[in-house]
PDB file of N, CA and C in Angstrom:
ATOM      1  N   MET A   1      18.004 -31.325  -7.776  1.00  0.00           N
ATOM      2  CA  MET A   1      17.165 -30.584  -6.865  1.00  0.00           C
ATOM      3  C   MET A   1      17.704 -30.742  -5.446  1.00  0.00           C
ATOM      4  N   SER A   2      16.821 -30.818  -4.503  1.00  0.00           N
ATOM      5  CA  SER A   2      17.223 -30.890  -3.109  1.00  0.00           C
ATOM      6  C   SER A   2      16.750 -32.204  -2.501  1.00  0.00           C
ATOM      7  N   ASP A   3      17.588 -32.792  -1.661  1.00  0.00           N
ATOM      8  CA  ASP A   3      17.215 -34.020  -0.962  1.00  0.00           C
ATOM      9  C   ASP A   3      16.557 -33.724   0.372  1.00  0.00           C
ATOM     10  N   ASP A   4      16.428 -32.462   0.705  1.00  0.00           N
ATOM     11  CA  ASP A   4      15.835 -32.061   1.982  1.00  0.00           C
ATOM     12  C   ASP A   4      14.332 -32.348   1.968  1.00  0.00           C
ATOM     13  N   PRO A   5      13.850 -33.191   2.887  1.00  0.00           N
ATOM     14  CA  PRO A   5      12.407 -33.503   2.897  1.00  0.00           C
ATOM     15  C   PRO A   5      11.542 -32.309   3.306  1.00  0.00           C
ATOM     16  N   LYS A   6      12.137 -31.320   3.947  1.00  0.00           N
ATOM     17  CA  LYS A   6      11.380 -30.136   4.379  1.00  0.00           C
ATOM     18  C   LYS A   6      11.153 -29.155   3.228  1.00  0.00           C
ATOM     19  N   PHE A   7      11.909 -29.299   2.175  1.00  0.00           N
ATOM     20  CA  PHE A   7      11.829 -28.374   1.039  1.00  0.00           C
ATOM     21  C   PHE A   7      10.678 -28.770   0.128  1.00  0.00           C
ATOM     22  N   ASP A   8       9.720 -27.879  -0.009  1.00  0.00           N
ATOM     23  CA  ASP A   8       8.577 -28.120  -0.888  1.00  0.00           C
ATOM     24  C   ASP A   8       8.361 -26.859  -1.720  1.00  0.00           C
ATOM     25  N   PRO A   9       8.716 -26.886  -2.986  1.00  0.00           N
ATOM     26  CA  PRO A   9       8.605 -25.678  -3.820  1.00  0.00           C
ATOM     27  C   PRO A   9       7.193 -25.118  -3.890  1.00  0.00           C
ATOM     28  N   ALA A  10       6.194 -25.976  -3.897  1.00  0.00           N
ATOM     29  CA  ALA A  10       4.810 -25.492  -3.983  1.00  0.00           C
ATOM     30  C   ALA A  10       4.432 -24.712  -2.728  1.00  0.00           C
ATOM     31  N   THR A  11       4.813 -25.228  -1.569  1.00  0.00           N
ATOM     32  CA  THR A  11       4.508 -24.541  -0.310  1.00  0.00           C
ATOM     33  C   THR A  11       5.289 -23.237  -0.215  1.00  0.00           C
ATOM     34  N   ASP A  12       6.558 -23.283  -0.621  1.00  0.00           N
ATOM     35  CA  ASP A  12       7.371 -22.068  -0.586  1.00  0.00           C
ATOM     36  C   ASP A  12       6.780 -20.997  -1.493  1.00  0.00           C
ATOM     37  N   LEU A  13       6.307 -21.392  -2.653  1.00  0.00           N
ATOM     38  CA  LEU A  13       5.708 -20.434  -3.574  1.00  0.00           C
ATOM     39  C   LEU A  13       4.424 -19.851  -2.994  1.00  0.00           C
ATOM     40  N   GLN A  14       3.625 -20.674  -2.339  1.00  0.00           N
ATOM     41  CA  GLN A  14       2.390 -20.188  -1.716  1.00  0.00           C
ATOM     42  C   GLN A  14       2.703 -19.188  -0.610  1.00  0.00           C
ATOM     43  N   LEU A  15       3.720 -19.480   0.201  1.00  0.00           N
ATOM     44  CA  LEU A  15       4.106 -18.552   1.268  1.00  0.00           C
ATOM     45  C   LEU A  15       4.625 -17.241   0.686  1.00  0.00           C
ATOM     46  N   PHE A  16       5.424 -17.346  -0.365  1.00  0.00           N
ATOM     47  CA  PHE A  16       5.947 -16.152  -1.024  1.00  0.00           C
ATOM     48  C   PHE A  16       4.813 -15.292  -1.565  1.00  0.00           C
ATOM     49  N   ARG A  17       3.851 -15.919  -2.239  1.00  0.00           N
ATOM     50  CA  ARG A  17       2.715 -15.179  -2.804  1.00  0.00           C
ATOM     51  C   ARG A  17       1.871 -14.539  -1.704  1.00  0.00           C
ATOM     52  N   ALA A  18       1.692 -15.227  -0.583  1.00  0.00           N
ATOM     53  CA  ALA A  18       0.909 -14.667   0.524  1.00  0.00           C
ATOM     54  C   ALA A  18       1.600 -13.435   1.099  1.00  0.00           C
ATOM     55  N   ARG A  19       2.919 -13.517   1.289  1.00  0.00           N
ATOM     56  CA  ARG A  19       3.657 -12.350   1.793  1.00  0.00           C
ATOM     57  C   ARG A  19       3.632 -11.211   0.785  1.00  0.00           C
ATOM     58  N   GLN A  20       3.761 -11.548  -0.490  1.00  0.00           N
ATOM     59  CA  GLN A  20       3.730 -10.536  -1.546  1.00  0.00           C
ATOM     60  C   GLN A  20       2.368  -9.841  -1.578  1.00  0.00           C
ATOM     61  N   LYS A  21       1.304 -10.597  -1.430  1.00  0.00           N
ATOM     62  CA  LYS A  21      -0.044 -10.032  -1.434  1.00  0.00           C
ATOM     63  C   LYS A  21      -0.244  -9.101  -0.237  1.00  0.00           C
ATOM     64  N   ALA A  22       0.269  -9.496   0.924  1.00  0.00           N
ATOM     65  CA  ALA A  22       0.149  -8.654   2.117  1.00  0.00           C
ATOM     66  C   ALA A  22       0.923  -7.347   1.937  1.00  0.00           C
ATOM     67  N   ARG A  23       2.121  -7.436   1.372  1.00  0.00           N
ATOM     68  CA  ARG A  23       2.911  -6.218   1.117  1.00  0.00           C
ATOM     69  C   ARG A  23       2.210  -5.313   0.124  1.00  0.00           C
ATOM     70  N   ASN A  24       1.646  -5.892  -0.920  1.00  0.00           N
ATOM     71  CA  ASN A  24       0.954  -5.091  -1.928  1.00  0.00           C
ATOM     72  C   ASN A  24      -0.253  -4.380  -1.335  1.00  0.00           C
ATOM     73  N   ARG A  25      -0.984  -5.062  -0.481  1.00  0.00           N
ATOM     74  CA  ARG A  25      -2.143  -4.424   0.159  1.00  0.00           C
ATOM     75  C   ARG A  25      -1.705  -3.290   1.082  1.00  0.00           C
ATOM     76  N   ALA A  26      -0.630  -3.501   1.831  1.00  0.00           N
ATOM     77  CA  ALA A  26      -0.130  -2.451   2.717  1.00  0.00           C
ATOM     78  C   ALA A  26       0.327  -1.239   1.907  1.00  0.00           C
ATOM     79  N   LEU A  27       1.034  -1.482   0.826  1.00  0.00           N
ATOM     80  CA  LEU A  27       1.497  -0.386  -0.027  1.00  0.00           C
ATOM     81  C   LEU A  27       0.322   0.342  -0.663  1.00  0.00           C
ATOM     82  N   GLY A  28      -0.678  -0.395  -1.089  1.00  0.00           N
ATOM     83  CA  GLY A  28      -1.881   0.218  -1.650  1.00  0.00           C
ATOM     84  C   GLY A  28      -2.592   1.091  -0.642  1.00  0.00           C
ATOM     85  N   PHE A  29      -2.666   0.628   0.605  1.00  0.00           N
ATOM     86  CA  PHE A  29      -3.296   1.422   1.657  1.00  0.00           C
ATOM     87  C   PHE A  29      -2.524   2.714   1.902  1.00  0.00           C
ATOM     88  N   VAL A  30      -1.207   2.637   1.931  1.00  0.00           N
ATOM     89  CA  VAL A  30      -0.382   3.833   2.140  1.00  0.00           C
ATOM     90  C   VAL A  30      -0.574   4.820   0.990  1.00  0.00           C
ATOM     91  N   LEU A  31      -0.584   4.329  -0.236  1.00  0.00           N
ATOM     92  CA  LEU A  31      -0.788   5.213  -1.385  1.00  0.00           C
ATOM     93  C   LEU A  31      -2.168   5.858  -1.354  1.00  0.00           C
ATOM     94  N   LEU A  32      -3.180   5.088  -0.998  1.00  0.00           N
ATOM     95  CA  LEU A  32      -4.531   5.636  -0.893  1.00  0.00           C
ATOM     96  C   LEU A  32      -4.597   6.710   0.194  1.00  0.00           C
ATOM     97  N   ALA A  33      -3.941   6.469   1.318  1.00  0.00           N
ATOM     98  CA  ALA A  33      -3.922   7.457   2.397  1.00  0.00           C
ATOM     99  C   ALA A  33      -3.248   8.751   1.936  1.00  0.00           C
ATOM    100  N   LEU A  34      -2.174   8.646   1.166  1.00  0.00           N
ATOM    101  CA  LEU A  34      -1.504   9.844   0.653  1.00  0.00           C
ATOM    102  C   LEU A  34      -2.393  10.609  -0.317  1.00  0.00           C
ATOM    103  N   VAL A  35      -3.100   9.898  -1.171  1.00  0.00           N
ATOM    104  CA  VAL A  35      -4.011  10.555  -2.114  1.00  0.00           C
ATOM    105  C   VAL A  35      -5.092  11.310  -1.354  1.00  0.00           C
ATOM    106  N   VAL A  36      -5.671  10.680  -0.346  1.00  0.00           N
ATOM    107  CA  VAL A  36      -6.719  11.331   0.450  1.00  0.00           C
ATOM    108  C   VAL A  36      -6.148  12.544   1.177  1.00  0.00           C
ATOM    109  N   LEU A  37      -4.949  12.413   1.730  1.00  0.00           N
ATOM    110  CA  LEU A  37      -4.316  13.531   2.432  1.00  0.00           C
ATOM    111  C   LEU A  37      -4.068  14.705   1.487  1.00  0.00           C
ATOM    112  N   PHE A  38      -3.497  14.447   0.314  1.00  0.00           N
ATOM    113  CA  PHE A  38      -3.243  15.523  -0.646  1.00  0.00           C
ATOM    114  C   PHE A  38      -4.541  16.164  -1.116  1.00  0.00           C
ATOM    115  N   PHE A  39      -5.566  15.356  -1.323  1.00  0.00           N
ATOM    116  CA  PHE A  39      -6.862  15.887  -1.738  1.00  0.00           C
ATOM    117  C   PHE A  39      -7.431  16.802  -0.653  1.00  0.00           C
ATOM    118  N   ALA A  40      -7.365  16.360   0.604  1.00  0.00           N
ATOM    119  CA  ALA A  40      -7.892  17.163   1.708  1.00  0.00           C
ATOM    120  C   ALA A  40      -7.121  18.476   1.842  1.00  0.00           C
ATOM    121  N   ILE A  41      -5.812  18.422   1.728  1.00  0.00           N
ATOM    122  CA  ILE A  41      -5.004  19.644   1.818  1.00  0.00           C
ATOM    123  C   ILE A  41      -5.374  20.602   0.690  1.00  0.00           C
ATOM    124  N   THR A  42      -5.559  20.086  -0.511  1.00  0.00           N
ATOM    125  CA  THR A  42      -5.929  20.923  -1.652  1.00  0.00           C
ATOM    126  C   THR A  42      -7.280  21.582  -1.428  1.00  0.00           C
ATOM    127  N   ILE A  43      -8.256  20.828  -0.957  1.00  0.00           N
ATOM    128  CA  ILE A  43      -9.593  21.377  -0.716  1.00  0.00           C
ATOM    129  C   ILE A  43      -9.538  22.460   0.357  1.00  0.00           C
ATOM    130  N   VAL A  44      -8.796  22.223   1.427  1.00  0.00           N
ATOM    131  CA  VAL A  44      -8.689  23.223   2.498  1.00  0.00           C
ATOM    132  C   VAL A  44      -8.015  24.486   1.976  1.00  0.00           C
ATOM    133  N   LYS A  45      -6.936  24.339   1.221  1.00  0.00           N
ATOM    134  CA  LYS A  45      -6.248  25.517   0.685  1.00  0.00           C
ATOM    135  C   LYS A  45      -7.135  26.290  -0.281  1.00  0.00           C
ATOM    136  N   MET A  46      -7.888  25.581  -1.109  1.00  0.00           N
ATOM    137  CA  MET A  46      -8.794  26.261  -2.035  1.00  0.00           C
ATOM    138  C   MET A  46      -9.887  26.995  -1.262  1.00  0.00           C
ATOM    139  N   GLY A  47     -10.373  26.401  -0.190  1.00  0.00           N
ATOM    140  CA  GLY A  47     -11.401  27.038   0.626  1.00  0.00           C
ATOM    141  C   GLY A  47     -10.879  28.283   1.315  1.00  0.00           C
ATOM    142  N   LEU A  48      -9.650  28.218   1.822  1.00  0.00           N
ATOM    143  CA  LEU A  48      -9.059  29.381   2.477  1.00  0.00           C
ATOM    144  C   LEU A  48      -8.803  30.495   1.469  1.00  0.00           C
ATOM    145  N   HIS A  49      -8.361  30.134   0.295  1.00  0.00           N
ATOM    146  CA  HIS A  49      -8.052  31.128  -0.731  1.00  0.00           C
ATOM    147  C   HIS A  49      -9.322  31.832  -1.218  1.00  0.00           C
ATOM    148  N   SER A  50     -10.396  31.088  -1.382  1.00  0.00           N
ATOM    149  CA  SER A  50     -11.625  31.693  -1.904  1.00  0.00           C
ATOM    150  C   SER A  50     -12.324  32.554  -0.854  1.00  0.00           C
ATOM    151  N   SER A  51     -12.076  32.277   0.431  1.00  0.00           N
ATOM    152  CA  SER A  51     -12.723  33.085   1.464  1.00  0.00           C
ATOM    153  C   SER A  51     -11.883  34.309   1.835  1.00  0.00           C
ATOM    154  N   GLY A  52     -10.704  34.454   1.251  1.00  0.00           N
ATOM    155  CA  GLY A  52      -9.873  35.628   1.477  1.00  0.00           C
ATOM    156  C   GLY A  52      -9.081  35.587   2.767  1.00  0.00           C
ATOM    157  N   GLN A  53      -8.901  34.452   3.371  1.00  0.00           N
ATOM    158  CA  GLN A  53      -8.166  34.358   4.628  1.00  0.00           C
ATOM    159  C   GLN A  53      -6.667  34.217   4.414  1.00  0.00           C
ATOM    160  N   MET A  54      -6.211  34.072   3.192  1.00  0.00           N
ATOM    161  CA  MET A  54      -4.783  33.913   2.941  1.00  0.00           C
ATOM    162  C   MET A  54      -4.075  35.200   2.815  1.00  0.00           C
TER     163      MET A  54
END
């Protein structure tokens, strides 16, 4: 293993998991925002089409 006293696998794993969790939440937020955006665009286009403005 390592003789470095600063090296702690448990702490490193906890830091890795925390960063991974933050990235996953950010990615989830971006995906959710895209879904909402596509849904809104679809609703607006359907509304314009049904009212004859297209």
